[in-house]
């Protein structure tokens, strides 16, 4: 009996994933508001009633998809060894799925978008911050790290703005250029934190 229940659960999940894939495909062709359950079911090769067995409407499917994306997105970054790989993958993935992410932002709102991106984006920031710390000489006072952390938080706000512009395709740059800009900012953050620490030491 347990084996049968497990099979039914796997089949249900498989159908939901197929519907999600179908939705992403249709979002490349039209906005969410114009997508009908019937055409989505036809694209996935299932009956319309089967859709309603799993979801009440297209918006519930989108919310289910967003939750799944939130859980799976950080797993993409698990095998990367450098912060550059983390950044490039996040940019490439969101560009590849741009209509989907634009829909998350437009329909579910900025707060929900950043809940979806949150863990992956935080991992990206942590990798960049670790890169900055590695560039600093050993034995520097703790104030340097504190200053660097303050600058990192300030930079995170700008990074979110850039990421939303990337998703909306309103930023004229390539992933490689973004990497170069981050490297330049990281260099400036490290140097700035060290200088600020030295000034505080002198004032003390």
Protein backbone atom coordinates (compact mmCIF):
# COMPACT_ATOMS: atom_id res chain seq x y z
CA UNK A 1 0.00 0.00 0.00
CA UNK A 2 2.85 2.37 0.90
CA UNK A 3 4.51 1.56 -2.43
CA UNK A 4 1.33 2.46 -4.31
CA UNK A 5 0.99 5.73 -2.38
CA UNK A 6 4.60 6.57 -3.21
CA UNK A 7 4.01 5.93 -6.90
CA UNK A 8 0.91 8.14 -6.86
CA UNK A 9 2.88 10.91 -5.14
CA UNK A 10 5.66 10.70 -7.73
CA UNK A 11 3.15 10.82 -10.56
CA UNK A 12 1.45 13.85 -9.04
CA UNK A 13 4.77 15.66 -8.70
CA UNK A 14 5.73 14.71 -12.25
CA UNK A 15 2.48 16.17 -13.59
CA UNK A 16 3.00 19.40 -11.66
CA UNK A 17 6.54 19.72 -13.02
CA UNK A 18 5.26 19.15 -16.55
CA UNK A 19 2.65 21.87 -16.06
CA UNK A 20 5.30 24.22 -14.73
CA UNK A 21 7.51 23.56 -17.76
CA UNK A 22 4.55 24.17 -20.03
CA UNK A 23 3.81 27.44 -18.25
CA UNK A 24 7.39 28.63 -18.68
CA UNK A 25 7.18 27.84 -22.36
CA UNK A 26 3.96 29.77 -22.82
CA UNK A 27 5.37 32.74 -20.90
CA UNK A 28 7.90 33.11 -23.72
CA UNK A 29 4.97 33.70 -26.06
CA UNK A 30 2.48 35.75 -24.06
CA UNK A 31 1.83 37.33 -20.65
CA UNK A 32 0.37 35.25 -17.84
CA UNK A 33 -3.02 36.95 -18.09
CA UNK A 34 -3.50 35.62 -21.63
CA UNK A 35 -2.63 31.99 -20.82
CA UNK A 36 -5.63 29.69 -20.57
CA UNK A 37 -5.81 26.40 -18.72
CA UNK A 38 -6.98 24.60 -21.84
CA UNK A 39 -3.97 25.60 -23.95
CA UNK A 40 -1.59 24.75 -21.10
CA UNK A 41 -3.22 21.33 -20.68
CA UNK A 42 -3.04 20.73 -24.45
CA UNK A 43 0.63 21.65 -24.50
CA UNK A 44 1.35 19.20 -21.68
CA UNK A 45 -0.80 16.46 -23.24
CA UNK A 46 -3.15 16.16 -20.28
CA UNK A 47 -6.87 16.71 -19.80
CA UNK A 48 -8.14 20.05 -18.54
CA UNK A 49 -9.67 18.27 -15.55
CA UNK A 50 -6.23 16.95 -14.64
CA UNK A 51 -4.96 20.50 -14.29
CA UNK A 52 -7.78 21.36 -11.90
CA UNK A 53 -6.99 18.26 -9.85
CA UNK A 54 -3.65 19.87 -8.97
CA UNK A 55 -4.31 23.64 -9.16
CA UNK A 56 -7.33 25.90 -8.95
CA UNK A 57 -5.97 28.29 -11.60
CA UNK A 58 -2.84 29.49 -13.41
CA UNK A 59 -1.91 31.78 -10.52
CA UNK A 60 -1.81 28.90 -8.05
CA UNK A 61 0.50 27.05 -10.43
CA UNK A 62 2.75 30.13 -10.59
CA UNK A 63 2.90 30.29 -6.80
CA UNK A 64 3.72 26.58 -6.59
CA UNK A 65 6.42 27.09 -9.19
CA UNK A 66 7.90 30.04 -7.28
CA UNK A 67 8.14 27.95 -4.10
CA UNK A 68 9.84 25.13 -5.99
CA UNK A 69 12.24 27.58 -7.63
CA UNK A 70 13.09 29.04 -4.23
CA UNK A 71 14.04 25.58 -2.95
CA UNK A 72 15.95 24.41 -6.03
CA UNK A 73 17.84 27.54 -7.08
CA UNK A 74 20.53 27.40 -4.35
CA UNK A 75 21.29 23.79 -5.29
CA UNK A 76 22.56 24.97 -8.67
CA UNK A 77 25.45 26.74 -6.96
CA UNK A 78 26.57 23.87 -4.74
CA UNK A 79 29.32 22.61 -7.04
CA UNK A 80 30.88 25.93 -8.00
CA UNK A 81 34.39 26.66 -6.75
CA UNK A 82 34.68 30.40 -7.40
CA UNK A 83 32.46 33.43 -6.91
CA UNK A 84 32.79 34.17 -10.63
CA UNK A 85 31.12 30.84 -11.44
CA UNK A 86 28.32 31.59 -8.97
CA UNK A 87 27.65 35.02 -10.48
CA UNK A 88 27.85 33.82 -14.09
CA UNK A 89 25.46 30.95 -13.44
CA UNK A 90 22.89 33.14 -11.68
CA UNK A 91 23.00 35.71 -14.49
CA UNK A 92 22.88 33.08 -17.24
CA UNK A 93 20.04 31.17 -15.58
CA UNK A 94 17.86 34.23 -14.97
CA UNK A 95 18.52 35.44 -18.52
CA UNK A 96 17.53 32.05 -19.92
CA UNK A 97 14.33 32.18 -17.84
CA UNK A 98 13.79 35.93 -18.17
CA UNK A 99 10.06 35.84 -19.11
CA UNK A 100 9.42 33.64 -16.07
CA UNK A 101 11.32 35.94 -13.70
CA UNK A 102 9.72 39.02 -15.19
CA UNK A 103 6.36 37.41 -14.45
CA UNK A 104 7.35 36.68 -10.85
CA UNK A 105 8.31 40.32 -10.40
CA UNK A 106 5.28 41.77 -12.18
CA UNK A 107 2.58 39.41 -10.90
CA UNK A 108 3.82 38.26 -7.48
CA UNK A 109 5.76 41.41 -6.64
CA UNK A 110 9.27 42.43 -5.65
CA UNK A 111 9.05 40.89 -2.18
CA UNK A 112 8.19 37.45 -3.54
CA UNK A 113 10.83 37.68 -6.25
CA UNK A 114 13.50 38.27 -3.63
CA UNK A 115 12.20 35.44 -1.51
CA UNK A 116 12.80 33.22 -4.54
CA UNK A 117 16.23 34.67 -5.28
CA UNK A 118 17.19 35.25 -1.65
CA UNK A 119 19.33 32.23 -0.78
CA UNK A 120 21.07 32.10 -4.15
CA UNK A 121 21.70 35.85 -4.11
CA UNK A 122 23.02 35.70 -0.53
CA UNK A 123 25.37 32.89 -1.53
CA UNK A 124 26.66 35.07 -4.36
CA UNK A 125 27.26 37.96 -1.96
CA UNK A 126 28.97 35.70 0.58
CA UNK A 127 31.32 34.41 -2.10
CA UNK A 128 32.19 37.95 -3.18
CA UNK A 129 32.73 39.04 0.45
CA UNK A 130 35.03 36.05 1.00
CA UNK A 131 36.97 37.12 -2.09
CA UNK A 132 37.37 40.62 -0.62
CA UNK A 133 38.61 39.23 2.70
CA UNK A 134 41.17 37.06 0.96
CA UNK A 135 42.61 40.13 -0.75
CA UNK A 136 43.32 41.85 2.57
CA UNK A 137 46.68 41.35 4.31
CA UNK A 138 46.70 39.30 7.50
CA UNK A 139 46.91 40.93 10.88
CA UNK A 140 44.76 43.94 10.12
CA UNK A 141 42.59 45.26 12.98
CA UNK A 142 39.00 44.09 13.32
CA UNK A 143 37.76 47.52 12.31
CA UNK A 144 38.75 46.69 8.72
CA UNK A 145 36.38 43.72 8.67
CA UNK A 146 33.62 45.81 10.22
CA UNK A 147 34.09 48.55 7.64
CA UNK A 148 34.07 45.96 4.87
CA UNK A 149 30.83 44.49 6.20
CA UNK A 150 29.19 47.92 6.22
CA UNK A 151 30.25 48.49 2.64
CA UNK A 152 29.02 45.04 1.68
CA UNK A 153 25.53 45.81 3.01
CA UNK A 154 25.50 49.10 1.13
CA UNK A 155 26.66 47.34 -2.04
CA UNK A 156 23.94 44.70 -1.64
CA UNK A 157 21.24 47.33 -2.17
CA UNK A 158 22.84 48.42 -5.42
CA UNK A 159 23.30 44.79 -6.46
CA UNK A 160 19.56 44.18 -6.08
CA UNK A 161 18.79 47.15 -8.31
CA UNK A 162 21.22 45.83 -10.93
CA UNK A 163 19.71 42.34 -10.68
CA UNK A 164 16.18 43.63 -11.25
CA UNK A 165 17.43 45.65 -14.23
CA UNK A 166 19.05 42.46 -15.54
CA UNK A 167 15.80 40.53 -15.17
CA UNK A 168 13.84 43.30 -16.89
CA UNK A 169 16.47 43.44 -19.64
CA UNK A 170 16.99 47.16 -19.15
CA UNK A 171 20.74 46.97 -18.52
CA UNK A 172 23.06 47.00 -21.52
CA UNK A 173 25.87 44.76 -20.36
CA UNK A 174 27.14 41.18 -20.57
CA UNK A 175 27.73 38.72 -17.70
CA UNK A 176 31.48 39.07 -18.26
CA UNK A 177 31.22 42.85 -17.94
CA UNK A 178 29.24 42.39 -14.71
CA UNK A 179 32.06 40.19 -13.39
CA UNK A 180 34.64 42.85 -14.25
CA UNK A 181 32.55 45.53 -12.54
CA UNK A 182 32.18 43.39 -9.41
CA UNK A 183 35.93 42.80 -9.33
CA UNK A 184 36.49 46.55 -9.58
CA UNK A 185 33.96 47.23 -6.81
CA UNK A 186 35.46 44.50 -4.63
CA UNK A 187 38.89 46.04 -5.06
CA UNK A 188 37.51 49.44 -4.11
CA UNK A 189 35.65 48.04 -1.10
CA UNK A 190 38.79 46.34 0.21
CA UNK A 191 40.98 49.40 -0.25
CA UNK A 192 38.32 51.69 1.22
CA UNK A 193 37.85 49.51 4.29
CA UNK A 194 41.59 49.42 4.93
CA UNK A 195 41.96 53.19 4.56
CA UNK A 196 39.00 53.84 6.85
CA UNK A 197 40.51 51.58 9.49
CA UNK A 198 43.84 53.40 9.30
CA UNK A 199 42.11 56.77 9.68
CA UNK A 200 40.20 55.54 12.73
CA UNK A 201 43.44 54.27 14.27
CA UNK A 202 45.09 57.66 13.80
CA UNK A 203 42.11 59.50 15.30
CA UNK A 204 42.24 57.19 18.29
